[in-house]
Amino acid sequence: MSRRKNTRKIFENIPVLDAGAKGKAIAKAPDGRVIFIDNAVPGDIATIQTTKQRKAYYEGSAISFASFSDKRVPPQCEHFGVCGGCKWQHMGYEHQLFFKQNEVENNLRRIGKIELPPIQPILGAPEQYFYRNKMEFSFSDSKWLTLEQIQSDELITDRNALGFHIPGMWDKILDLKKCHLQRDPSNAIRDFLKAKAEALELSFFNTRKQEGFLRTLMIRTSSTGDVMVLLQFFHEDVKNRILLLDAIASQFPEITSLLYVINAKGNDTIYDQEVLCHFGKDHIFEEMEGLRFKINAKSFYQTNSEQAYELYKLTRDFAGLTGNEVVFDLYTGTGTIAQFVAKNAKKVVGIEAVPEAIDAAKENALLNGIDNVAFYVGDMKKVFNESFIVQHGLPDVIITDPPRDGMHADVVTQLLAIAAPKIVYVSCNSATQARDLALLDAMYKVTKVQPVDMFPQTHHVENVVLLEKRNNT
């Protein structure tokens, strides 16, 4: 069995050339191999120490800089470089947009290898910070210590943390002071909760030992002003649970939904757990163009509300609806896109594999008084049988918004068999989108491409593509 080499090397005065997948910067080693760097900006000239060596590439970190890129800006967050999020905070926003656009174009051309129209300039986000409507934090009794803390003579007695997992270290939590991703009262709630828990001498969770009382915290905010807070406890302790939840409710009267979960499982997921309401409602509302969407603790909703609205408007515009069309909305989730386009269509049929999501979609459609939508649970690659098409008719437009893995090859085969005049493909991963577009290319021509930035300070980018059926098919 061959072994991969992990011998560390140091390369001096290496120009950083580009930004690539997963937020890594790209350079070339003297031997011609690519180096993926986790802490540099294109334009830097750096000394790089490798951490992994493969046949075609290295992975590494810059350990010193001969000169800094003019694309650099001071990161706003004190946790930058330790926290696993917001990896592009040290790059000016206009340059972030450039590299996101570049990634979309490169993926569509190099992976898709298809004819493309001029790609529209990426739609940037008006808010580069405090744009997320949902954040999840973890409690830990063994917080992450920096190298400086470890090497100092300071005696660190407080090992409690409430924050994010350190990348690649499932049992280490960074104790957050301030996060720049979610607007107030998010930071205030988190800081108060940690201080109050310590004042009550409540135990923070230990992942390795699977013991402790406080497990996770979720905060959701909405454009309507609603605030949801959910605390996850490892076991029941009625007295202390009520003390803590009452304290939060008293300190933050703006909270409209205060929930909790008792979860003794080995993992933190709540989707198979009972969510209990301590105060207020068991849901919050999001609003978009007069539509109201009821969101509970387990609901999926786009985490950047403002840019979600722009994304949905683009999707509707690309569909070119006149009011006479039958629309299929694949991977509909809780049916937000389906309901958003419904007023411009004759009928919208949403399909999703998760039963709870379809239940939420039906409830929201009823809430919004939309009677020209229908939602169905099913395996996407099996649902389009003859009886389904007979029941709903052939679609004039198909909207598809699959997960990061893209569409299963059998789903693509189904789309080619249905042969709708238009497909609007919304993607959070332009690489898998490009693969799918290549499979559709014999029947469909790409006529519009619009990247959208949903997540500033990160490498993630959404992309919307319009495909129109070729005249010869």
Protein backbone atom coordinates (compact mmCIF):
# COMPACT_ATOMS: atom_id res chain seq x y z
CA MET A 1 0.00 0.00 0.00
CA SER A 2 1.48 3.34 -1.05
CA ARG A 3 1.72 6.12 1.48
CA ARG A 4 1.09 9.76 0.81
CA LYS A 5 4.02 12.01 1.60
CA ASN A 6 3.49 14.58 4.32
CA THR A 7 7.05 15.98 4.36
CA ARG A 8 6.84 19.70 5.02
CA LYS A 9 8.65 22.06 2.70
CA ILE A 10 9.25 25.80 2.75
CA PHE A 11 9.09 27.88 -0.42
CA GLU A 12 10.26 31.49 -0.23
CA ASN A 13 9.02 34.57 -2.12
CA ILE A 14 6.16 32.84 -3.88
CA PRO A 15 3.63 35.09 -5.69
CA VAL A 16 0.01 34.24 -4.83
CA LEU A 17 -1.77 34.12 -8.17
CA ASP A 18 -5.44 33.39 -7.76
CA ALA A 19 -8.32 32.33 -5.50
CA GLY A 20 -9.80 28.89 -5.95
CA ALA A 21 -12.29 26.39 -4.62
CA LYS A 22 -13.24 26.41 -0.93
CA GLY A 23 -11.72 29.85 -0.44
CA LYS A 24 -8.12 28.72 -0.89
CA ALA A 25 -5.55 31.01 -2.50
CA ILE A 26 -3.45 29.53 -5.30
CA ALA A 27 0.29 29.73 -6.00
CA LYS A 28 2.84 27.72 -7.98
CA ALA A 29 5.74 25.89 -6.33
CA PRO A 30 9.20 25.95 -7.95
CA ASP A 31 8.62 22.35 -9.10
CA GLY A 32 5.48 23.45 -10.99
CA ARG A 33 2.94 21.96 -8.63
CA VAL A 34 -0.02 24.05 -7.48
CA ILE A 35 -0.09 25.17 -3.85
CA PHE A 36 -3.44 25.70 -2.14
CA ILE A 37 -2.97 28.24 0.67
CA ASP A 38 -5.43 28.87 3.49
CA ASN A 39 -4.34 32.34 4.66
CA ALA A 40 -3.25 34.43 1.69
CA VAL A 41 -4.74 36.86 -0.82
CA PRO A 42 -4.01 36.97 -4.55
CA GLY A 43 -1.20 39.51 -5.03
CA ASP A 44 0.64 38.60 -1.82
CA ILE A 45 4.28 37.48 -2.06
CA ALA A 46 4.82 34.99 0.71
CA THR A 47 6.99 32.31 2.27
CA ILE A 48 4.85 29.20 2.28
CA GLN A 49 5.17 26.13 4.46
CA THR A 50 3.44 23.05 3.08
CA THR A 51 1.21 20.93 5.28
CA LYS A 52 0.29 18.23 2.75
CA GLN A 53 1.97 16.92 -0.37
CA ARG A 54 0.21 15.12 -3.20
CA LYS A 55 1.28 14.06 -6.67
CA ALA A 56 -0.20 17.14 -8.38
CA TYR A 57 -0.36 19.73 -5.61
CA TYR A 58 0.58 20.92 -2.14
CA GLU A 59 -1.50 22.38 0.65
CA GLY A 60 0.10 24.96 2.87
CA SER A 61 0.06 28.22 4.83
CA ALA A 62 1.89 31.50 4.45
CA ILE A 63 4.27 31.88 7.41
CA SER A 64 5.62 35.31 6.39
CA PHE A 65 5.05 37.92 3.72
CA ALA A 66 7.60 39.78 1.60
CA SER A 67 4.81 42.11 0.45
CA PHE A 68 1.07 42.34 0.83
CA SER A 69 -1.52 42.43 -1.94
CA ASP A 70 -3.31 45.67 -2.75
CA LYS A 71 -6.49 43.58 -2.55
CA ARG A 72 -6.08 43.20 1.21
CA VAL A 73 -8.21 45.00 3.79
CA PRO A 74 -8.09 44.78 7.59
CA PRO A 75 -10.52 42.07 8.78
CA GLN A 76 -13.27 43.45 10.99
CA CYS A 77 -13.61 40.42 13.27
CA GLU A 78 -11.15 39.76 16.08
CA HIS A 79 -11.64 36.02 15.55
CA PHE A 80 -10.53 36.08 11.89
CA GLY A 81 -8.00 33.39 11.11
CA VAL A 82 -9.09 31.16 14.00
CA CYS A 83 -12.83 30.92 13.36
CA GLY A 84 -13.71 28.74 10.40
CA GLY A 85 -16.18 31.22 8.86
CA CYS A 86 -15.72 34.45 6.88
CA LYS A 87 -12.42 33.29 5.35
CA TRP A 88 -12.29 36.19 2.89
CA GLN A 89 -12.61 39.02 5.41
CA HIS A 90 -9.06 40.08 4.59
CA MET A 91 -10.00 40.71 0.94
CA GLY A 92 -11.83 43.82 -0.31
CA TYR A 93 -15.42 43.09 -1.24
CA GLU A 94 -15.03 44.15 -4.88
CA HIS A 95 -12.24 41.56 -5.19
CA GLN A 96 -14.35 38.88 -3.51
CA LEU A 97 -16.98 39.48 -6.18
CA PHE A 98 -14.35 39.28 -8.94
CA PHE A 99 -13.12 35.87 -7.81
CA LYS A 100 -16.64 34.53 -7.29
CA GLN A 101 -17.57 35.60 -10.82
CA ASN A 102 -14.36 34.05 -12.07
CA GLU A 103 -15.15 30.74 -10.35
CA VAL A 104 -18.58 30.56 -11.97
CA GLU A 105 -17.20 31.35 -15.43
CA ASN A 106 -14.32 28.87 -15.09
CA ASN A 107 -16.57 26.06 -13.89
CA LEU A 108 -19.14 26.55 -16.65
CA ARG A 109 -16.43 26.70 -19.32
CA ARG A 110 -13.94 24.08 -18.09
CA ILE A 111 -16.36 21.54 -16.60
CA GLY A 112 -19.43 22.24 -18.72
CA LYS A 113 -17.55 22.81 -21.99
CA ILE A 114 -20.70 24.31 -23.47
CA GLU A 115 -21.54 27.37 -25.50
CA LEU A 116 -22.34 30.29 -23.19
CA PRO A 117 -23.90 33.72 -23.59
CA PRO A 118 -22.17 36.75 -22.04
CA ILE A 119 -22.27 36.12 -18.28
CA GLN A 120 -23.88 38.94 -16.34
CA PRO A 121 -21.83 40.71 -13.65
CA ILE A 122 -22.36 39.13 -10.24
CA LEU A 123 -25.10 40.68 -8.13
CA GLY A 124 -23.37 41.83 -4.95
CA ALA A 125 -24.99 42.00 -1.53
CA PRO A 126 -25.87 45.43 -0.11
CA GLU A 127 -24.93 44.23 3.38
CA GLN A 128 -21.49 42.64 3.66
CA TYR A 129 -21.83 41.94 7.39
CA PHE A 130 -24.71 41.05 9.74
CA TYR A 131 -26.72 39.50 6.91
CA ARG A 132 -27.54 36.04 8.27
CA ASN A 133 -30.95 35.31 9.77
CA LYS A 134 -29.88 32.06 11.45
CA MET A 135 -26.87 31.20 13.61
CA GLU A 136 -26.02 28.10 15.63
CA PHE A 137 -23.52 28.07 18.50
CA SER A 138 -22.13 25.24 20.64
CA PHE A 139 -21.38 25.07 24.36
CA SER A 140 -18.14 23.46 25.53
CA ASP A 141 -16.33 22.99 28.83
CA SER A 142 -12.94 22.81 27.05
CA LYS A 143 -12.64 25.90 24.89
CA TRP A 144 -10.03 26.31 22.21
CA LEU A 145 -6.83 27.93 23.49
CA THR A 146 -4.64 29.98 21.19
CA LEU A 147 -0.92 29.25 20.93
CA GLU A 148 -0.25 32.47 22.83
CA GLN A 149 -2.51 31.37 25.69
CA ILE A 150 -0.88 27.94 25.83
CA GLN A 151 2.63 29.41 25.88
CA SER A 152 1.84 32.15 28.40
CA ASP A 153 2.28 31.91 32.16
CA GLU A 154 -1.37 32.89 32.61
CA LEU A 155 -3.42 30.38 34.58
CA ILE A 156 -6.59 29.79 32.57
CA THR A 157 -9.32 28.59 34.91
CA ASP A 158 -12.36 29.45 32.78
CA ARG A 159 -12.53 26.82 30.06
CA ASN A 160 -16.19 27.36 29.16
CA ALA A 161 -17.00 28.45 25.63
CA LEU A 162 -20.04 29.36 23.58
CA GLY A 163 -19.24 29.72 19.91
CA PHE A 164 -18.11 27.85 16.79
CA HIS A 165 -16.25 24.63 16.15
CA ILE A 166 -12.59 25.08 15.21
CA PRO A 167 -12.17 23.80 11.62
CA GLY A 168 -11.18 20.15 11.62
CA MET A 169 -11.53 19.82 15.41
CA TRP A 170 -14.98 18.48 16.26
CA ASP A 171 -14.49 18.75 20.02
CA LYS A 172 -12.94 22.25 20.24
CA ILE A 173 -15.06 25.39 20.44
CA LEU A 174 -13.93 28.98 19.89
CA ASP A 175 -15.36 31.23 22.60
CA LEU A 176 -16.87 34.11 20.64
CA LYS A 177 -16.66 37.72 21.78
CA LYS A 178 -18.50 39.23 18.82
CA CYS A 179 -19.72 37.68 15.57
CA HIS A 180 -20.25 39.91 12.53
CA LEU A 181 -22.73 37.63 10.76
CA GLN A 182 -26.06 38.19 12.53
CA ARG A 183 -27.47 41.53 13.59
CA ASP A 184 -28.55 42.42 17.13
CA PRO A 185 -29.74 41.08 19.46
CA SER A 186 -27.74 37.97 18.47
CA ASN A 187 -24.44 38.85 20.15
CA ALA A 188 -26.18 40.24 23.23
CA ILE A 189 -28.29 37.09 23.67
CA ARG A 190 -25.27 34.80 23.31
CA ASP A 191 -23.11 36.81 25.72
CA PHE A 192 -25.91 37.10 28.30
CA LEU A 193 -26.65 33.40 28.08
CA LYS A 194 -23.05 32.40 28.72
CA ALA A 195 -22.69 34.79 31.67
CA LYS A 196 -26.02 33.72 33.21
CA ALA A 197 -25.22 30.03 32.80
CA GLU A 198 -21.90 30.52 34.57
CA ALA A 199 -23.57 32.54 37.33
CA LEU A 200 -25.99 29.65 37.86
CA GLU A 201 -23.02 27.23 37.76
CA LEU A 202 -24.55 25.21 34.95
CA SER A 203 -22.30 22.69 33.24
CA PHE A 204 -21.24 23.19 29.60
CA PHE A 205 -21.19 20.17 27.32
CA ASN A 206 -18.19 17.88 26.86
CA THR A 207 -18.40 16.18 23.49
CA ARG A 208 -15.80 13.51 24.18
CA LYS A 209 -17.26 12.45 27.52
CA GLN A 210 -20.87 13.08 26.42
CA GLU A 211 -21.71 14.90 29.62
CA GLY A 212 -22.86 18.35 30.68
CA PHE A 213 -26.15 20.26 30.67
CA LEU A 214 -25.94 23.02 28.03
CA ARG A 215 -25.47 21.77 24.51
CA THR A 216 -26.30 24.25 21.70
CA LEU A 217 -27.93 27.61 21.02
CA MET A 218 -29.79 28.60 17.85
CA ILE A 219 -30.90 32.16 17.12
CA ARG A 220 -33.17 33.07 14.19
CA THR A 221 -34.17 36.59 13.26
CA SER A 222 -36.52 37.76 10.53
CA SER A 223 -37.32 40.79 8.42
CA THR A 224 -40.62 41.07 10.31
CA GLY A 225 -38.78 41.70 13.60
CA ASP A 226 -39.42 38.24 15.05
CA VAL A 227 -36.68 36.57 17.10
CA MET A 228 -36.47 32.84 17.82
CA VAL A 229 -34.12 31.38 20.43
CA LEU A 230 -33.70 27.63 20.90
CA LEU A 231 -31.60 26.07 23.65
CA GLN A 232 -30.61 22.44 23.47
CA PHE A 233 -30.00 20.60 26.75
CA PHE A 234 -28.29 17.23 27.09
CA HIS A 235 -30.61 16.12 29.90
CA GLU A 236 -33.57 17.46 31.82
CA ASP A 237 -33.06 19.64 34.88
CA VAL A 238 -36.39 21.36 35.37
CA LYS A 239 -35.30 23.89 37.96
CA ASN A 240 -32.22 25.14 36.13
CA ARG A 241 -33.83 24.96 32.70
CA ILE A 242 -36.68 27.22 33.87
CA LEU A 243 -34.29 29.59 35.67
CA LEU A 244 -32.21 30.05 32.54
CA LEU A 245 -35.10 30.35 30.08
CA ASP A 246 -36.99 32.77 32.33
CA ALA A 247 -33.87 34.91 32.62
CA ILE A 248 -33.51 35.11 28.83
CA ALA A 249 -37.19 35.97 28.35
CA SER A 250 -36.97 38.71 30.98
CA GLN A 251 -33.75 40.22 29.62
CA PHE A 252 -34.85 40.17 25.96
CA PRO A 253 -38.58 40.98 25.64
CA GLU A 254 -38.13 41.19 21.85
CA ILE A 255 -37.88 37.37 21.72
CA THR A 256 -41.12 36.09 20.17
CA SER A 257 -40.31 32.37 20.22
CA LEU A 258 -38.34 30.77 23.07
CA LEU A 259 -37.88 27.04 22.57
CA TYR A 260 -35.90 24.15 23.99
CA VAL A 261 -34.95 20.56 23.21
CA ILE A 262 -33.83 17.77 25.53
CA ASN A 263 -31.38 15.78 23.39
CA ALA A 264 -29.46 12.86 24.91
CA LYS A 265 -28.25 11.55 21.52
CA GLY A 266 -24.66 11.38 20.42
CA ASN A 267 -25.10 14.26 17.97
CA ASP A 268 -26.62 17.75 18.01
CA THR A 269 -29.19 17.41 15.22
CA ILE A 270 -32.71 18.30 16.32
CA TYR A 271 -34.64 17.03 13.29
CA ASP A 272 -35.59 13.82 15.09
CA GLN A 273 -36.21 15.58 18.42
CA GLU A 274 -39.30 17.12 20.01
CA VAL A 275 -39.09 20.91 20.13
CA LEU A 276 -40.87 22.38 23.16
CA CYS A 277 -42.09 25.95 23.58
CA HIS A 278 -41.21 27.76 26.83
CA PHE A 279 -42.53 31.19 25.86
CA GLY A 280 -44.29 32.84 22.92
CA LYS A 281 -45.04 31.02 19.67
CA ASP A 282 -43.35 27.93 18.27
CA HIS A 283 -42.56 29.77 15.04
CA ILE A 284 -41.56 33.10 13.52
CA PHE A 285 -42.58 34.72 10.24
CA GLU A 286 -40.55 35.83 7.26
CA GLU A 287 -42.08 38.13 4.68
CA MET A 288 -41.34 38.66 1.01
CA GLU A 289 -43.39 40.74 -1.44
CA GLY A 290 -46.50 40.43 0.72
CA LEU A 291 -46.10 36.68 1.21
CA ARG A 292 -45.66 35.39 4.75
CA PHE A 293 -43.69 32.25 5.48
CA LYS A 294 -44.11 30.48 8.80
CA ILE A 295 -40.74 29.20 10.01
CA ASN A 296 -40.33 26.75 12.86
CA ALA A 297 -37.14 25.51 14.49
CA LYS A 298 -36.63 22.80 11.87
CA SER A 299 -37.59 24.83 8.77
CA PHE A 300 -35.18 25.57 5.95
CA TYR A 301 -35.17 29.17 4.78
CA GLN A 302 -32.48 31.01 2.86
CA THR A 303 -30.15 32.46 5.50
CA ASN A 304 -29.72 35.83 3.75
CA SER A 305 -33.25 37.20 3.54
CA GLU A 306 -32.44 40.30 1.46
CA GLN A 307 -30.44 38.42 -1.17
CA ALA A 308 -32.96 35.57 -1.22
CA TYR A 309 -35.48 38.13 -2.46
CA GLU A 310 -33.11 39.16 -5.27
CA LEU A 311 -32.44 35.50 -6.12
CA TYR A 312 -36.15 34.71 -6.31
CA LYS A 313 -36.85 37.78 -8.48
CA LEU A 314 -34.14 36.65 -10.90
CA THR A 315 -35.62 33.15 -10.99
CA ARG A 316 -39.05 34.56 -11.78
CA ASP A 317 -37.66 36.92 -14.44
CA PHE A 318 -35.70 34.12 -16.11
CA ALA A 319 -38.85 31.97 -16.20
CA GLY A 320 -40.59 34.73 -18.21
CA LEU A 321 -44.02 33.83 -16.89
CA THR A 322 -47.15 35.35 -18.45
CA GLY A 323 -49.83 33.75 -16.26
CA ASN A 324 -50.57 30.83 -18.59
CA GLU A 325 -47.74 28.46 -17.70
CA VAL A 326 -47.60 25.19 -15.79
CA VAL A 327 -44.42 25.29 -13.68
CA PHE A 328 -42.66 22.39 -11.97
CA ASP A 329 -40.50 23.45 -9.01
CA LEU A 330 -37.99 20.69 -8.21
CA TYR A 331 -36.34 20.46 -4.79
CA THR A 332 -38.98 22.93 -3.66
CA GLY A 333 -38.10 22.65 0.06
CA THR A 334 -40.73 24.61 1.98
CA GLY A 335 -42.12 25.96 -1.29
CA THR A 336 -40.85 29.53 -1.09
CA ILE A 337 -39.88 29.84 -4.78
CA ALA A 338 -43.07 28.03 -5.86
CA GLN A 339 -45.26 30.48 -3.95
CA PHE A 340 -43.18 33.46 -5.04
CA VAL A 341 -43.76 32.73 -8.76
CA ALA A 342 -47.34 31.44 -8.39
CA LYS A 343 -49.08 34.77 -9.06
CA ASN A 344 -47.42 34.85 -12.50
CA ALA A 345 -48.27 31.25 -13.43
CA LYS A 346 -51.33 29.16 -14.20
CA LYS A 347 -50.23 26.39 -11.82
CA VAL A 348 -47.07 25.52 -9.87
CA VAL A 349 -46.24 21.98 -8.79
CA GLY A 350 -43.56 21.65 -6.11
CA ILE A 351 -41.72 18.38 -5.52
CA GLU A 352 -39.51 17.60 -2.52
CA ALA A 353 -38.19 14.44 -0.84
CA VAL A 354 -38.58 15.68 2.75
CA PRO A 355 -42.16 15.18 4.05
CA GLU A 356 -41.87 17.83 6.80
CA ALA A 357 -40.82 20.43 4.23
CA ILE A 358 -43.87 19.68 2.09
CA ASP A 359 -46.11 19.95 5.15
CA ALA A 360 -44.66 23.42 5.77
CA ALA A 361 -45.11 24.36 2.10
CA LYS A 362 -48.78 23.40 2.17
CA GLU A 363 -49.33 25.30 5.42
CA ASN A 364 -47.69 28.44 4.05
CA ALA A 365 -49.65 28.27 0.79
CA LEU A 366 -52.86 28.10 2.83
CA LEU A 367 -51.67 30.98 5.00
CA ASN A 368 -50.99 33.07 1.89
CA GLY A 369 -54.27 32.17 0.20
CA ILE A 370 -52.48 30.69 -2.83
CA ASP A 371 -54.70 28.10 -4.51
CA ASN A 372 -52.77 27.43 -7.73
CA VAL A 373 -49.91 25.51 -6.10
CA ALA A 374 -49.68 21.80 -5.29
CA PHE A 375 -46.93 20.10 -3.33
CA TYR A 376 -45.83 16.46 -3.48
CA VAL A 377 -43.36 14.30 -1.60
CA GLY A 378 -41.27 12.01 -3.75
CA ASP A 379 -37.90 10.80 -4.92
CA MET A 380 -37.04 13.29 -7.64
CA LYS A 381 -35.68 10.64 -10.01
CA LYS A 382 -38.86 8.53 -9.74
CA VAL A 383 -41.70 11.02 -9.37
CA PHE A 384 -42.21 11.96 -13.03
CA ASN A 385 -44.08 8.86 -14.07
CA GLU A 386 -46.81 8.81 -16.69
CA SER A 387 -49.67 9.24 -14.21
CA PHE A 388 -47.98 12.29 -12.63
CA ILE A 389 -47.65 13.97 -16.02
CA VAL A 390 -51.24 13.06 -16.94
CA GLN A 391 -52.46 14.54 -13.65
CA HIS A 392 -50.56 17.83 -13.90
CA GLY A 393 -49.78 18.20 -17.58
CA LEU A 394 -46.45 18.79 -19.26
CA PRO A 395 -44.69 21.80 -17.71
CA ASP A 396 -43.93 24.91 -19.72
CA VAL A 397 -41.14 25.83 -17.28
CA ILE A 398 -39.13 23.75 -14.85
CA ILE A 399 -37.35 25.44 -11.95
CA THR A 400 -34.71 23.33 -10.24
CA ASP A 401 -32.76 24.27 -7.11
CA PRO A 402 -30.89 21.12 -6.04
CA PRO A 403 -28.47 20.68 -3.13
CA ARG A 404 -24.71 21.12 -3.54
CA ASP A 405 -24.31 17.71 -5.18
CA GLY A 406 -26.47 18.85 -8.08
CA MET A 407 -29.07 16.70 -9.79
CA HIS A 408 -28.91 12.92 -9.93
CA ALA A 409 -28.18 11.70 -13.48
CA ASP A 410 -31.60 10.01 -13.52
CA VAL A 411 -33.26 13.38 -12.81
CA VAL A 412 -31.43 14.88 -15.78
CA THR A 413 -32.70 11.97 -17.89
CA GLN A 414 -36.23 12.73 -16.69
CA LEU A 415 -35.85 16.40 -17.64
CA LEU A 416 -34.71 15.42 -21.13
CA ALA A 417 -37.72 13.10 -21.46
CA ILE A 418 -40.16 15.82 -20.32
CA ALA A 419 -38.54 18.35 -22.70
CA ALA A 420 -40.05 21.51 -21.18
CA PRO A 421 -39.45 24.64 -23.28
CA LYS A 422 -37.52 26.32 -20.43
CA ILE A 423 -35.49 25.26 -17.40
CA VAL A 424 -34.32 27.71 -14.75
CA TYR A 425 -31.45 26.14 -12.82
CA VAL A 426 -30.60 27.73 -9.46
CA SER A 427 -27.38 26.39 -7.94
CA CYS A 428 -25.21 26.86 -4.87
CA ASN A 429 -22.38 24.92 -6.55
CA SER A 430 -21.47 25.99 -10.07
CA ALA A 431 -19.19 22.95 -10.51
CA THR A 432 -22.00 20.41 -10.21
CA GLN A 433 -24.27 22.79 -12.09
CA ALA A 434 -21.77 22.82 -14.97
CA ARG A 435 -21.73 19.01 -15.01
CA ASP A 436 -25.53 18.94 -15.27
CA LEU A 437 -25.60 21.62 -17.96
CA ALA A 438 -23.27 19.49 -20.08
CA LEU A 439 -25.71 16.57 -19.79
CA LEU A 440 -28.58 18.83 -20.89
CA ASP A 441 -26.64 20.49 -23.71
CA ALA A 442 -27.87 18.26 -26.54
CA MET A 443 -31.44 19.48 -26.01
CA TYR A 444 -30.98 22.84 -24.26
CA LYS A 445 -29.01 25.99 -24.92
CA VAL A 446 -27.88 28.22 -22.06
CA THR A 447 -29.23 31.70 -22.82
CA LYS A 448 -28.73 33.59 -19.53
CA VAL A 449 -26.29 33.31 -16.62
CA GLN A 450 -26.46 35.44 -13.45
CA PRO A 451 -24.22 34.83 -10.42
CA VAL A 452 -25.54 36.10 -7.06
CA ASP A 453 -23.54 36.69 -3.89
CA MET A 454 -25.53 35.37 -0.94
CA PHE A 455 -22.62 35.04 1.49
CA PRO A 456 -20.16 37.98 1.63
CA GLN A 457 -16.79 37.32 3.29
CA THR A 458 -16.94 33.69 2.11
CA HIS A 459 -16.11 31.95 -1.18
CA HIS A 460 -19.68 30.67 -1.66
CA VAL A 461 -21.66 31.88 -4.67
CA GLU A 462 -25.09 31.12 -6.14
CA ASN A 463 -25.71 30.99 -9.87
CA VAL A 464 -28.93 31.19 -11.89
CA VAL A 465 -29.01 29.81 -15.44
CA LEU A 466 -31.77 29.89 -18.04
CA LEU A 467 -31.87 26.98 -20.49
CA GLU A 468 -34.10 27.12 -23.55
CA LYS A 469 -34.98 24.18 -25.73
CA ARG A 470 -33.07 24.09 -29.00
CA ASN A 471 -35.13 24.52 -32.18
CA ASN A 472 -33.92 21.22 -33.62
CA THR A 473 -35.18 19.10 -30.70
